[in-house]
Amino acid sequence: MKITDLEKNVEEFCLRIENLDIKEKKIHGIIGGNGSGKTMLAKLIMGILEPDRGQIDYEGLDQRDITMTAQRPYLLRRSVYDNITYPLEIRKIKPDEKEIDEWLHRYGLYTKKKQYAGSLSSGERQILSFIRAVIFRPKLIIIDETFSNLQPDTVALIEEWILKKQENDPITYILISHQMSHIIRLCDKAHVMYRGSILESGNCKDVLFHSKIPEVVRYMADQVIRMESV
């Protein structure tokens, strides 16, 4: 996916992306402070927002190949199971109940399979959102702060699954997170946003630990302080 001269104005905020290359079958980390435009960029890629100008070249990707999970996911007013099968149903894919049960067992939701999804805790909703996102085998998944309310052991399970899956059947991920541990462990590429623009893109560890751009250096120093204070 290539993004060129993208602009979106919402009230006093302006997102301007001159050039962003999301390489296929890589895990991309989008980082930056609050209000830097990360979620707005994700919504533009998803088609939830329309750009004022510029181009998103999906390079053959169809919108039905793309999905997004959020920190506060939208859930259907139906059961946990029905929420998982919904993206399969709209794509006319027959649900594999055995596979769904395996997912539910893995992340501790099997006993809540028939439960009303709205009654889940915030962490359980995020797990459900992740399962629903991967179940139809998309080609691009945008993960927007989805790990924020999860227990460390659950996060480790998800990270392990993603990395193992990437070895055998890679897809493209865009991971938006304030938690640098996720970015460092998972991402091939990193893109730093600042005031609506991309300041730096490149190899993840090069960008995070060897940047020469002052704003990036300050941001990473602040993240290190936060990690050490936890």
C-alpha atoms as a PDB file:
ATOM      1  CA  MET A   1       0.000   0.000   0.000  1.00  0.00           C
ATOM      2  CA  LYS A   2       1.306   3.430  -0.928  1.00  0.00           C
ATOM      3  CA  ILE A   3      -0.041   6.659   0.540  1.00  0.00           C
ATOM      4  CA  THR A   4       0.775   9.864  -1.324  1.00  0.00           C
ATOM      5  CA  ASP A   5      -0.031  13.520  -0.565  1.00  0.00           C
ATOM      6  CA  LEU A   6      -2.834  12.524   1.822  1.00  0.00           C
ATOM      7  CA  GLU A   7      -4.597  15.320   3.658  1.00  0.00           C
ATOM      8  CA  LYS A   8      -7.507  15.366   6.082  1.00  0.00           C
ATOM      9  CA  ASN A   9      -8.721  18.364   8.097  1.00  0.00           C
ATOM     10  CA  VAL A  10     -10.951  17.882  11.121  1.00  0.00           C
ATOM     11  CA  GLU A  11     -11.686  21.079  13.048  1.00  0.00           C
ATOM     12  CA  GLU A  12      -8.252  22.536  13.895  1.00  0.00           C
ATOM     13  CA  PHE A  13      -6.286  19.337  13.250  1.00  0.00           C
ATOM     14  CA  CYS A  14      -4.668  18.625   9.885  1.00  0.00           C
ATOM     15  CA  LEU A  15      -3.262  15.265   8.854  1.00  0.00           C
ATOM     16  CA  ARG A  16      -0.692  15.516   6.031  1.00  0.00           C
ATOM     17  CA  ILE A  17       1.103  12.389   4.827  1.00  0.00           C
ATOM     18  CA  GLU A  18       3.424  13.139   1.909  1.00  0.00           C
ATOM     19  CA  ASN A  19       4.574   9.570   1.407  1.00  0.00           C
ATOM     20  CA  LEU A  20       4.046   6.348   3.349  1.00  0.00           C
ATOM     21  CA  ASP A  21       4.904   2.899   2.029  1.00  0.00           C
ATOM     22  CA  ILE A  22       3.221   0.015   3.860  1.00  0.00           C
ATOM     23  CA  LYS A  23       5.161  -2.964   2.550  1.00  0.00           C
ATOM     24  CA  GLU A  24       3.196  -6.157   2.037  1.00  0.00           C
ATOM     25  CA  LYS A  25       3.483  -9.021   4.538  1.00  0.00           C
ATOM     26  CA  LYS A  26       5.388  -6.936   7.089  1.00  0.00           C
ATOM     27  CA  ILE A  27       4.371  -5.769  10.574  1.00  0.00           C
ATOM     28  CA  HIS A  28       4.369  -1.975  10.686  1.00  0.00           C
ATOM     29  CA  GLY A  29       4.340   0.001  13.919  1.00  0.00           C
ATOM     30  CA  ILE A  30       2.728   3.441  13.934  1.00  0.00           C
ATOM     31  CA  ILE A  31       3.885   5.360  17.000  1.00  0.00           C
ATOM     32  CA  GLY A  32       3.571   8.899  18.287  1.00  0.00           C
ATOM     33  CA  GLY A  33       2.073  10.926  21.084  1.00  0.00           C
ATOM     34  CA  ASN A  34      -1.603  11.536  21.767  1.00  0.00           C
ATOM     35  CA  GLY A  35      -3.151  13.658  19.043  1.00  0.00           C
ATOM     36  CA  SER A  36      -0.456  12.894  16.469  1.00  0.00           C
ATOM     37  CA  GLY A  37      -3.027  11.460  14.028  1.00  0.00           C
ATOM     38  CA  LYS A  38      -2.470   7.709  14.337  1.00  0.00           C
ATOM     39  CA  THR A  39      -6.108   6.674  14.644  1.00  0.00           C
ATOM     40  CA  MET A  40      -7.209   9.184  12.004  1.00  0.00           C
ATOM     41  CA  LEU A  41      -4.725   7.618   9.595  1.00  0.00           C
ATOM     42  CA  ALA A  42      -6.105   4.160  10.415  1.00  0.00           C
ATOM     43  CA  LYS A  43      -9.663   5.337   9.760  1.00  0.00           C
ATOM     44  CA  LEU A  44      -8.632   6.804   6.411  1.00  0.00           C
ATOM     45  CA  ILE A  45      -7.045   3.493   5.401  1.00  0.00           C
ATOM     46  CA  MET A  46     -10.187   1.656   6.495  1.00  0.00           C
ATOM     47  CA  GLY A  47     -12.412   4.001   4.502  1.00  0.00           C
ATOM     48  CA  ILE A  48     -14.225   5.184   7.623  1.00  0.00           C
ATOM     49  CA  LEU A  49     -13.054   8.717   6.804  1.00  0.00           C
ATOM     50  CA  GLU A  50     -12.689  10.248   3.347  1.00  0.00           C
ATOM     51  CA  PRO A  51      -9.500  12.203   2.605  1.00  0.00           C
ATOM     52  CA  ASP A  52      -9.743  15.830   1.543  1.00  0.00           C
ATOM     53  CA  ARG A  53      -7.074  15.145  -1.047  1.00  0.00           C
ATOM     54  CA  GLY A  54      -4.333  12.676  -1.882  1.00  0.00           C
ATOM     55  CA  GLN A  55      -4.287   9.003  -2.706  1.00  0.00           C
ATOM     56  CA  ILE A  56      -4.252   5.634  -0.980  1.00  0.00           C
ATOM     57  CA  ASP A  57      -3.113   3.003  -3.466  1.00  0.00           C
ATOM     58  CA  TYR A  58      -4.216  -0.334  -2.039  1.00  0.00           C
ATOM     59  CA  GLU A  59      -2.218  -2.172  -4.716  1.00  0.00           C
ATOM     60  CA  GLY A  60      -4.911  -4.751  -5.371  1.00  0.00           C
ATOM     61  CA  LEU A  61      -6.266  -5.028  -1.823  1.00  0.00           C
ATOM     62  CA  ASP A  62     -10.047  -4.978  -1.568  1.00  0.00           C
ATOM     63  CA  GLN A  63     -11.738  -3.311   1.421  1.00  0.00           C
ATOM     64  CA  ARG A  64     -13.090  -6.756   2.340  1.00  0.00           C
ATOM     65  CA  ASP A  65      -9.468  -7.898   2.763  1.00  0.00           C
ATOM     66  CA  ILE A  66      -8.866  -5.275   5.454  1.00  0.00           C
ATOM     67  CA  THR A  67     -10.031  -5.195   9.051  1.00  0.00           C
ATOM     68  CA  MET A  68      -9.378  -3.144  12.163  1.00  0.00           C
ATOM     69  CA  THR A  69      -9.488  -3.758  15.903  1.00  0.00           C
ATOM     70  CA  ALA A  70      -9.804  -0.887  18.354  1.00  0.00           C
ATOM     71  CA  GLN A  71      -9.228  -0.133  22.021  1.00  0.00           C
ATOM     72  CA  ARG A  72     -12.999   0.156  22.455  1.00  0.00           C
ATOM     73  CA  PRO A  73     -14.321  -2.261  19.840  1.00  0.00           C
ATOM     74  CA  TYR A  74     -17.808  -2.076  18.414  1.00  0.00           C
ATOM     75  CA  LEU A  75     -19.664  -5.304  19.165  1.00  0.00           C
ATOM     76  CA  LEU A  76     -22.940  -6.550  17.752  1.00  0.00           C
ATOM     77  CA  ARG A  77     -25.768  -6.859  20.252  1.00  0.00           C
ATOM     78  CA  ARG A  78     -25.569 -10.602  19.960  1.00  0.00           C
ATOM     79  CA  SER A  79     -23.626 -13.494  21.474  1.00  0.00           C
ATOM     80  CA  VAL A  80     -19.849 -13.875  21.544  1.00  0.00           C
ATOM     81  CA  TYR A  81     -20.114 -16.633  18.929  1.00  0.00           C
ATOM     82  CA  ASP A  82     -22.342 -14.546  16.657  1.00  0.00           C
ATOM     83  CA  ASN A  83     -19.854 -11.675  16.792  1.00  0.00           C
ATOM     84  CA  ILE A  84     -17.061 -13.972  15.631  1.00  0.00           C
ATOM     85  CA  THR A  85     -19.071 -15.495  12.806  1.00  0.00           C
ATOM     86  CA  TYR A  86     -20.398 -12.162  11.503  1.00  0.00           C
ATOM     87  CA  PRO A  87     -17.401 -11.321   9.247  1.00  0.00           C
ATOM     88  CA  LEU A  88     -17.592 -14.863   7.859  1.00  0.00           C
ATOM     89  CA  GLU A  89     -21.312 -14.580   7.147  1.00  0.00           C
ATOM     90  CA  ILE A  90     -21.036 -11.307   5.212  1.00  0.00           C
ATOM     91  CA  ARG A  91     -18.286 -12.889   3.085  1.00  0.00           C
ATOM     92  CA  LYS A  92     -20.379 -16.034   2.582  1.00  0.00           C
ATOM     93  CA  ILE A  93     -17.781 -18.220   4.336  1.00  0.00           C
ATOM     94  CA  LYS A  94     -19.124 -21.171   6.311  1.00  0.00           C
ATOM     95  CA  PRO A  95     -18.026 -20.902   9.964  1.00  0.00           C
ATOM     96  CA  ASP A  96     -15.817 -23.704  11.265  1.00  0.00           C
ATOM     97  CA  GLU A  97     -17.174 -24.151  14.786  1.00  0.00           C
ATOM     98  CA  LYS A  98     -14.248 -26.359  15.817  1.00  0.00           C
ATOM     99  CA  GLU A  99     -11.763 -23.662  14.824  1.00  0.00           C
ATOM    100  CA  ILE A 100     -13.795 -20.985  16.621  1.00  0.00           C
ATOM    101  CA  ASP A 101     -13.933 -23.139  19.756  1.00  0.00           C
ATOM    102  CA  GLU A 102     -10.150 -23.510  19.636  1.00  0.00           C
ATOM    103  CA  TRP A 103      -9.778 -19.722  19.541  1.00  0.00           C
ATOM    104  CA  LEU A 104     -12.209 -19.311  22.431  1.00  0.00           C
ATOM    105  CA  HIS A 105     -10.394 -21.957  24.506  1.00  0.00           C
ATOM    106  CA  ARG A 106      -7.009 -20.373  23.799  1.00  0.00           C
ATOM    107  CA  TYR A 107      -8.045 -16.987  25.156  1.00  0.00           C
ATOM    108  CA  GLY A 108     -10.384 -18.062  27.948  1.00  0.00           C
ATOM    109  CA  LEU A 109     -13.723 -17.199  26.348  1.00  0.00           C
ATOM    110  CA  TYR A 110     -15.090 -20.668  25.632  1.00  0.00           C
ATOM    111  CA  THR A 111     -17.443 -20.705  28.643  1.00  0.00           C
ATOM    112  CA  LYS A 112     -18.850 -17.363  27.411  1.00  0.00           C
ATOM    113  CA  LYS A 113     -19.439 -18.560  23.859  1.00  0.00           C
ATOM    114  CA  LYS A 114     -23.223 -18.073  24.063  1.00  0.00           C
ATOM    115  CA  GLN A 115     -23.055 -15.071  26.372  1.00  0.00           C
ATOM    116  CA  TYR A 116     -24.196 -11.599  25.298  1.00  0.00           C
ATOM    117  CA  ALA A 117     -21.061  -9.877  24.021  1.00  0.00           C
ATOM    118  CA  GLY A 118     -21.956  -6.574  25.670  1.00  0.00           C
ATOM    119  CA  SER A 119     -21.589  -8.163  29.106  1.00  0.00           C
ATOM    120  CA  LEU A 120     -17.878  -8.893  28.633  1.00  0.00           C
ATOM    121  CA  SER A 121     -15.156  -6.976  30.438  1.00  0.00           C
ATOM    122  CA  SER A 122     -13.089  -4.451  28.479  1.00  0.00           C
ATOM    123  CA  GLY A 123     -10.216  -6.919  28.155  1.00  0.00           C
ATOM    124  CA  GLU A 124     -12.521  -9.707  27.011  1.00  0.00           C
ATOM    125  CA  ARG A 125     -14.030  -7.381  24.415  1.00  0.00           C
ATOM    126  CA  GLN A 126     -10.580  -6.692  23.036  1.00  0.00           C
ATOM    127  CA  ILE A 127      -9.844 -10.434  22.819  1.00  0.00           C
ATOM    128  CA  LEU A 128     -13.162 -10.983  21.037  1.00  0.00           C
ATOM    129  CA  SER A 129     -12.350  -8.142  18.651  1.00  0.00           C
ATOM    130  CA  PHE A 130      -8.989  -9.725  17.829  1.00  0.00           C
ATOM    131  CA  ILE A 131     -10.492 -13.175  17.191  1.00  0.00           C
ATOM    132  CA  ARG A 132     -13.201 -11.628  15.004  1.00  0.00           C
ATOM    133  CA  ALA A 133     -10.519  -9.775  13.037  1.00  0.00           C
ATOM    134  CA  VAL A 134      -8.352 -12.795  12.230  1.00  0.00           C
ATOM    135  CA  ILE A 135     -11.052 -15.440  11.783  1.00  0.00           C
ATOM    136  CA  PHE A 136     -11.765 -14.652   8.111  1.00  0.00           C
ATOM    137  CA  ARG A 137      -8.040 -14.531   7.208  1.00  0.00           C
ATOM    138  CA  PRO A 138      -7.716 -10.921   6.038  1.00  0.00           C
ATOM    139  CA  LYS A 139      -4.682  -9.647   4.166  1.00  0.00           C
ATOM    140  CA  LEU A 140      -4.283  -6.473   6.243  1.00  0.00           C
ATOM    141  CA  ILE A 141      -5.096  -6.053   9.939  1.00  0.00           C
ATOM    142  CA  ILE A 142      -4.925  -2.692  11.705  1.00  0.00           C
ATOM    143  CA  ILE A 143      -4.531  -3.142  15.476  1.00  0.00           C
ATOM    144  CA  ASP A 144      -5.273   0.150  17.243  1.00  0.00           C
ATOM    145  CA  GLU A 145      -4.292  -0.056  20.936  1.00  0.00           C
ATOM    146  CA  THR A 146      -6.088  -3.414  21.205  1.00  0.00           C
ATOM    147  CA  PHE A 147      -3.652  -4.851  23.765  1.00  0.00           C
ATOM    148  CA  SER A 148      -4.031  -2.028  26.281  1.00  0.00           C
ATOM    149  CA  ASN A 149      -6.430  -3.750  28.726  1.00  0.00           C
ATOM    150  CA  LEU A 150      -5.093  -7.291  28.455  1.00  0.00           C
ATOM    151  CA  GLN A 151      -3.169  -9.303  31.007  1.00  0.00           C
ATOM    152  CA  PRO A 152       0.538  -9.797  30.134  1.00  0.00           C
ATOM    153  CA  ASP A 153       0.104 -13.553  29.642  1.00  0.00           C
ATOM    154  CA  THR A 154      -2.735 -12.967  27.165  1.00  0.00           C
ATOM    155  CA  VAL A 155      -0.676 -10.371  25.289  1.00  0.00           C
ATOM    156  CA  ALA A 156       2.196 -12.872  25.135  1.00  0.00           C
ATOM    157  CA  LEU A 157      -0.135 -15.517  23.648  1.00  0.00           C
ATOM    158  CA  ILE A 158      -1.362 -13.125  20.953  1.00  0.00           C
ATOM    159  CA  GLU A 159       2.154 -11.947  20.120  1.00  0.00           C
ATOM    160  CA  GLU A 160       3.357 -15.554  19.905  1.00  0.00           C
ATOM    161  CA  TRP A 161       0.492 -16.430  17.544  1.00  0.00           C
ATOM    162  CA  ILE A 162       1.173 -13.422  15.304  1.00  0.00           C
ATOM    163  CA  LEU A 163       4.913 -14.130  15.040  1.00  0.00           C
ATOM    164  CA  LYS A 164       4.418 -17.838  14.400  1.00  0.00           C
ATOM    165  CA  LYS A 165       1.758 -17.113  11.780  1.00  0.00           C
ATOM    166  CA  GLN A 166       4.065 -14.630  10.060  1.00  0.00           C
ATOM    167  CA  GLU A 167       6.689 -17.339   9.604  1.00  0.00           C
ATOM    168  CA  ASN A 168       4.380 -19.601   7.590  1.00  0.00           C
ATOM    169  CA  ASP A 169       1.569 -17.478   6.176  1.00  0.00           C
ATOM    170  CA  PRO A 170       2.483 -13.786   6.504  1.00  0.00           C
ATOM    171  CA  ILE A 171       0.033 -10.930   6.082  1.00  0.00           C
ATOM    172  CA  THR A 172       0.347  -7.185   6.574  1.00  0.00           C
ATOM    173  CA  TYR A 173      -0.205  -5.637   9.996  1.00  0.00           C
ATOM    174  CA  ILE A 174      -0.383  -2.018  11.093  1.00  0.00           C
ATOM    175  CA  LEU A 175       0.123  -1.920  14.853  1.00  0.00           C
ATOM    176  CA  ILE A 176      -0.757   1.314  16.649  1.00  0.00           C
ATOM    177  CA  SER A 177       0.427   1.287  20.234  1.00  0.00           C
ATOM    178  CA  HIS A 178       1.860   3.464  22.997  1.00  0.00           C
ATOM    179  CA  GLN A 179       3.496   0.352  24.438  1.00  0.00           C
ATOM    180  CA  MET A 180       6.978   0.169  22.969  1.00  0.00           C
ATOM    181  CA  SER A 181       7.402  -3.435  24.110  1.00  0.00           C
ATOM    182  CA  HIS A 182       4.792  -4.519  21.513  1.00  0.00           C
ATOM    183  CA  ILE A 183       6.413  -2.477  18.771  1.00  0.00           C
ATOM    184  CA  ILE A 184       9.902  -3.801  19.532  1.00  0.00           C
ATOM    185  CA  ARG A 185       8.836  -7.449  19.767  1.00  0.00           C
ATOM    186  CA  LEU A 186       6.533  -7.522  16.752  1.00  0.00           C
ATOM    187  CA  CYS A 187       7.364  -4.890  14.168  1.00  0.00           C
ATOM    188  CA  ASP A 188       9.596  -5.036  11.107  1.00  0.00           C
ATOM    189  CA  LYS A 189       9.058  -1.369  10.253  1.00  0.00           C
ATOM    190  CA  ALA A 190       8.324   1.697  12.368  1.00  0.00           C
ATOM    191  CA  HIS A 191       6.716   4.992  11.355  1.00  0.00           C
ATOM    192  CA  VAL A 192       6.770   7.917  13.787  1.00  0.00           C
ATOM    193  CA  MET A 193       3.920  10.427  13.636  1.00  0.00           C
ATOM    194  CA  TYR A 194       4.121  13.976  14.974  1.00  0.00           C
ATOM    195  CA  ARG A 195       1.436  16.646  14.626  1.00  0.00           C
ATOM    196  CA  GLY A 196      -0.277  14.877  11.766  1.00  0.00           C
ATOM    197  CA  SER A 197       2.800  14.001   9.719  1.00  0.00           C
ATOM    198  CA  ILE A 198       5.237  11.119   9.371  1.00  0.00           C
ATOM    199  CA  LEU A 199       8.579  12.244  10.794  1.00  0.00           C
ATOM    200  CA  GLU A 200      10.528   9.067  10.136  1.00  0.00           C
ATOM    201  CA  SER A 201      10.056   5.606   8.633  1.00  0.00           C
ATOM    202  CA  GLY A 202      12.392   2.661   8.437  1.00  0.00           C
ATOM    203  CA  ASN A 203      13.670  -0.501  10.061  1.00  0.00           C
ATOM    204  CA  CYS A 204      12.017  -0.723  13.478  1.00  0.00           C
ATOM    205  CA  LYS A 205      15.110  -0.845  15.694  1.00  0.00           C
ATOM    206  CA  ASP A 206      16.947   1.758  13.616  1.00  0.00           C
ATOM    207  CA  VAL A 207      14.071   4.219  14.001  1.00  0.00           C
ATOM    208  CA  LEU A 208      13.477   3.509  17.693  1.00  0.00           C
ATOM    209  CA  PHE A 209      17.078   3.416  18.902  1.00  0.00           C
ATOM    210  CA  HIS A 210      19.238   5.236  16.344  1.00  0.00           C
ATOM    211  CA  SER A 211      17.138   8.137  15.090  1.00  0.00           C
ATOM    212  CA  LYS A 212      18.823  11.489  14.488  1.00  0.00           C
ATOM    213  CA  ILE A 213      15.545  13.432  14.490  1.00  0.00           C
ATOM    214  CA  PRO A 214      15.171  15.414  17.767  1.00  0.00           C
ATOM    215  CA  GLU A 215      11.409  14.891  18.113  1.00  0.00           C
ATOM    216  CA  VAL A 216      11.797  11.132  17.684  1.00  0.00           C
ATOM    217  CA  VAL A 217      14.676  11.006  20.194  1.00  0.00           C
ATOM    218  CA  ARG A 218      12.618  12.968  22.748  1.00  0.00           C
ATOM    219  CA  TYR A 219       9.573  10.755  22.209  1.00  0.00           C
ATOM    220  CA  MET A 220      11.576   7.564  22.703  1.00  0.00           C
ATOM    221  CA  ALA A 221      13.291   8.967  25.795  1.00  0.00           C
ATOM    222  CA  ASP A 222       9.878   9.731  27.264  1.00  0.00           C
ATOM    223  CA  GLN A 223       8.697   6.183  26.484  1.00  0.00           C
ATOM    224  CA  VAL A 224      11.752   4.689  28.209  1.00  0.00           C
ATOM    225  CA  ILE A 225      11.019   6.774  31.322  1.00  0.00           C
ATOM    226  CA  ARG A 226       7.406   5.560  31.284  1.00  0.00           C
ATOM    227  CA  MET A 227       8.475   1.932  30.941  1.00  0.00           C
ATOM    228  CA  GLU A 228      10.941   2.228  33.809  1.00  0.00           C
ATOM    229  CA  SER A 229       8.305   3.829  36.071  1.00  0.00           C
ATOM    230  CA  VAL A 230       5.789   0.984  35.593  1.00  0.00           C
END
